[in-house]
Amino acid sequence: MQDEQIRRLRERMARLGYNETSLAVAAGLGRTAVNDILKGKSEHPRIDVLTKLCKTLGMSAAEFLDGEVRPPIRVPVIGEITYSDTWRQYNTGKKIPEVLDLWSSNDDLIAVRVVENSMAPRFQRDDVVLGNRVFGSNADNYIGLPCIIKTTDERTLVRIIARSSKPHRYTLRSLDPTAADIDDVEILWFAPIVSIMTRSR
């Protein structure tokens, strides 16, 4: 774990009035586990422990991992679906359009650009693939979905998450039909793909 990540945890603890003992109690963790993380003794802490710490401190994955906090992405609701496959635009004189926050944790939106065609037709050269990053402890809810992934051993991939025979580990299936599966992987974080910005075809 990086010194900057530990610093961010300590700063948030100080802001919220936690010490090591009170944070451990609030997160439902042992004091030794929290102490090892905060003193840098745990090089690769368990993902479920990090998830509990960040949840207790109100930190998103992006804020903990990268120190990033971005402003909300706001999307206007410009109309409504009326029947079948048609929609009608709101008359702004009669109804003020809603504005929705696109993501629940806006600073976790990330993107990667595709630079070759090995994953075609799903992704093609110059596409930009967007995902909403979360910690790997939640990966069971995303089985079968393509995700942007970083493993605990520092591999960075875009693959489909599949179950493994080992607990808290996953098999990663490639969208490239020539690439072999990667078995028994521990995921640090992953970003389920929520949108693709396609190049001009």
Foldseek 3Di string as FASTA:
>chain_A
DDPVLLVLLVVLCVVVVHDLVRLCVQLVHDSVLSVCVNVVVCVQRDLSSVQSSCVSSVHFPCCNPPVDADDFDKDWDQWQDDDDPDIDGDDCVVDPTDIDGPDPRRRQKDKDAACAQLLPPVDHHGKIWIFRKHFLVPCVVQAQFWKFFAFSVGDTDTFGWHPAPDPQFTWTHHSRVVDDIDGGTHTGMITGTDDMHHDDD
